[in-house]
Protein backbone atom coordinates (compact mmCIF):
# COMPACT_ATOMS: atom_id res chain seq x y z
CA UNK A 1 156.05 156.88 114.55
CA UNK A 2 155.09 157.88 111.06
CA UNK A 3 152.70 155.82 109.43
CA UNK A 4 153.02 153.88 105.83
CA UNK A 5 152.98 155.52 103.37
CA UNK A 6 149.90 153.57 101.97
CA UNK A 7 148.12 155.43 104.44
CA UNK A 8 148.62 158.44 103.05
CA UNK A 9 145.35 160.12 102.45
CA UNK A 10 143.81 160.39 98.89
CA UNK A 11 144.42 164.01 97.22
CA UNK A 12 141.46 166.98 97.08
CA UNK A 13 138.85 166.53 94.69
CA UNK A 14 138.49 169.65 92.82
CA UNK A 15 135.24 170.58 92.08
CA UNK A 16 133.87 173.58 90.32
CA UNK A 17 131.40 175.88 91.93
CA UNK A 18 128.00 176.64 91.10
CA UNK A 19 128.79 180.26 90.11
CA UNK A 20 131.37 178.75 87.80
CA UNK A 21 128.41 176.76 85.85
CA UNK A 22 126.52 180.09 85.68
CA UNK A 23 129.76 181.91 84.05
CA UNK A 24 130.50 179.02 81.76
CA UNK A 25 126.13 178.92 80.73
CA UNK A 26 126.20 182.33 80.29
CA UNK A 27 130.02 182.21 78.27
CA UNK A 28 128.01 179.62 75.94
CA UNK A 29 125.21 181.60 75.44
CA UNK A 30 127.21 185.05 74.30
CA UNK A 31 128.97 182.35 72.08
CA UNK A 32 125.64 180.63 70.54
CA UNK A 33 124.31 184.70 70.23
CA UNK A 34 127.31 186.13 68.19
CA UNK A 35 127.76 182.89 66.82
CA UNK A 36 124.51 183.48 65.10
CA UNK A 37 124.37 187.01 63.70
CA UNK A 38 128.02 185.52 62.45
CA UNK A 39 127.50 181.87 61.12
CA UNK A 40 130.72 181.96 58.91
CA UNK A 41 133.36 182.36 62.46
CA UNK A 42 131.92 179.11 63.12
CA UNK A 43 134.04 177.75 61.07
CA UNK A 44 137.44 178.65 62.20
CA UNK A 45 135.99 177.37 65.33
CA UNK A 46 134.86 174.24 63.76
CA UNK A 47 138.54 174.02 62.08
CA UNK A 48 140.28 175.03 65.47
CA UNK A 49 138.16 171.99 67.40
CA UNK A 50 139.47 169.89 64.68
CA UNK A 51 143.07 169.92 65.12
CA UNK A 52 142.63 169.96 69.29
CA UNK A 53 140.47 166.61 68.48
CA UNK A 54 143.29 165.61 66.47
CA UNK A 55 145.96 166.08 69.02
CA UNK A 56 143.87 164.27 71.38
CA UNK A 57 144.05 161.08 69.39
CA UNK A 58 147.59 161.43 68.89
CA UNK A 59 148.32 162.51 72.53
CA UNK A 60 145.87 159.32 74.19
CA UNK A 61 148.05 156.96 70.78
CA UNK A 62 151.95 157.98 73.19
CA UNK A 63 150.63 157.73 76.27
CA UNK A 64 149.16 154.17 75.15
CA UNK A 65 152.81 153.15 73.20
CA UNK A 66 154.42 154.18 76.89
CA UNK A 67 151.60 152.34 79.46
CA UNK A 68 151.98 149.24 76.44
CA UNK A 69 156.35 150.04 77.05
CA UNK A 70 156.07 149.96 80.63
CA UNK A 71 153.49 146.83 80.95
CA UNK A 72 155.69 145.37 83.48
CA UNK A 73 156.97 148.14 85.89
CA UNK A 74 155.37 149.47 89.07
CA UNK A 75 155.43 151.44 92.53
CA UNK A 76 158.45 149.04 93.27
CA UNK A 77 160.52 150.12 90.49
CA UNK A 78 159.79 153.27 90.87
CA UNK A 79 161.07 152.95 94.71
CA UNK A 80 163.46 150.67 93.87
CA UNK A 81 165.35 153.27 91.26
CA UNK A 82 165.89 155.84 94.39
CA UNK A 83 168.53 155.62 97.45
CA UNK A 84 164.78 155.02 99.73
CA UNK A 85 166.88 154.69 102.79
CA UNK A 86 167.15 158.00 101.90
CA UNK A 87 164.22 158.78 100.28
CA UNK A 88 161.22 160.17 102.24
CA UNK A 89 158.70 156.57 101.05
CA UNK A 90 155.17 159.39 101.31
CA UNK A 91 156.86 161.40 98.29
CA UNK A 92 157.88 158.79 96.28
CA UNK A 93 154.64 157.39 96.65
CA UNK A 94 152.63 160.50 95.88
CA UNK A 95 154.90 161.22 92.65
CA UNK A 96 154.83 158.43 91.33
CA UNK A 97 150.66 157.43 92.03
CA UNK A 98 149.91 160.97 90.94
CA UNK A 99 151.74 160.88 87.53
CA UNK A 100 150.21 157.96 86.67
CA UNK A 101 147.02 158.27 87.78
CA UNK A 102 147.45 161.95 85.42
CA UNK A 103 148.70 160.13 82.84
CA UNK A 104 146.21 157.23 83.01
CA UNK A 105 144.93 156.64 79.88
CA UNK A 106 141.42 154.69 79.29
CA UNK A 107 141.30 154.00 82.81
CA UNK A 108 145.30 151.92 82.66
CA UNK A 109 147.90 154.04 84.66
CA UNK A 110 150.99 155.06 82.35
CA UNK A 111 154.23 153.98 84.38
CA UNK A 112 156.58 156.38 85.54
CA UNK A 113 160.84 156.36 85.85
CA UNK A 114 162.34 158.61 88.17
CA UNK A 115 165.02 159.24 85.08
CA UNK A 116 161.51 160.95 82.43
CA UNK A 117 161.81 164.93 81.53
CA UNK A 118 157.92 166.10 82.30
CA UNK A 119 157.55 167.66 79.53
CA UNK A 120 159.55 166.06 77.10
CA UNK A 121 159.27 162.38 77.49
CA UNK A 122 155.50 162.68 79.93
CA UNK A 123 154.47 165.37 77.50
CA UNK A 124 153.18 167.52 80.80
CA UNK A 125 152.62 171.18 80.45
CA UNK A 126 154.16 173.12 83.17
CA UNK A 127 151.38 174.40 84.20
CA UNK A 128 149.18 170.96 84.66
CA UNK A 129 152.71 170.07 86.60
CA UNK A 130 151.92 173.24 89.02
CA UNK A 131 148.27 172.04 89.43
CA UNK A 132 149.67 168.63 89.88
CA UNK A 133 153.32 169.60 92.49
CA UNK A 134 149.93 170.93 95.07
CA UNK A 135 148.35 167.66 95.23
CA UNK A 136 151.85 166.16 95.36
CA UNK A 137 152.55 168.28 98.45
CA UNK A 138 148.90 167.90 99.99
CA UNK A 139 149.57 163.77 100.37
CA UNK A 140 153.00 164.02 101.20
CA UNK A 141 153.15 166.19 103.62
CA UNK A 142 155.05 169.37 102.49
CA UNK A 143 154.74 172.69 102.29
CA UNK A 144 153.99 174.74 99.53
CA UNK A 145 154.91 177.76 101.14
CA UNK A 146 157.99 179.61 100.08
CA UNK A 147 159.12 177.24 97.50
CA UNK A 148 161.49 179.58 95.81
CA UNK A 149 163.98 179.90 98.60
CA UNK A 150 164.46 175.71 97.41
CA UNK A 151 167.43 175.63 96.22
CA UNK A 152 165.54 173.45 92.84
CA UNK A 153 163.68 176.20 92.18
CA UNK A 154 163.59 176.92 88.33
CA UNK A 155 165.22 173.53 87.40
CA UNK A 156 163.24 170.60 87.83
CA UNK A 157 163.00 168.82 84.59
CA UNK A 158 162.65 165.01 85.63
CA UNK A 159 160.19 163.01 87.92
CA UNK A 160 163.39 162.66 90.39
CA UNK A 161 164.18 166.50 90.23
CA UNK A 162 160.25 166.88 91.53
CA UNK A 163 160.90 163.73 94.49
CA UNK A 164 164.06 165.73 95.30
CA UNK A 165 162.35 169.71 95.39
CA UNK A 166 159.87 167.75 97.18
CA UNK A 167 162.60 166.80 100.00
CA UNK A 168 163.35 169.97 99.96
CA UNK A 169 160.15 171.53 101.43
CA UNK A 170 159.20 171.09 104.81
CA UNK A 171 157.04 169.58 106.97
CA UNK A 172 154.02 170.14 107.81
CA UNK A 173 152.40 168.48 111.38
CA UNK A 174 151.15 166.39 111.68
CA UNK A 175 146.96 166.14 111.30
């Protein structure tokens, strides 16, 4: 018998390897030397950093507003919005928990709905969704091989589509 979804494993933590830290330090050192020789170029970098910082503030305000408007919602509401007798509860829990963890602001999770568009409503970049998909599939024990054969490949727009996409992926053997 399959264990309950609340006992599913956590997603793996992705850490940078020591070689990555060495490469990052070398890049930062090279940038420092470049800006020492070209101080006016530093002004453009400062302007770019300020623009990114303002975008981050706007994004966190949007997420706070979304969380405040959905304050009373939980995973129970999310699961009830699906036909949970036909859906895999491991997929439902993995999708909900990973998306709310990714969207959390100030340590508070932002509840998601099945009708939320991942780009339009949740403001998730498609590249970030690819990384999230791997964590969700790992937790739900679904294969990520041959995703291009999935009938929903390239058609995922909402949270419900993510769930349906994963239901079409083959299950991994229990380990």
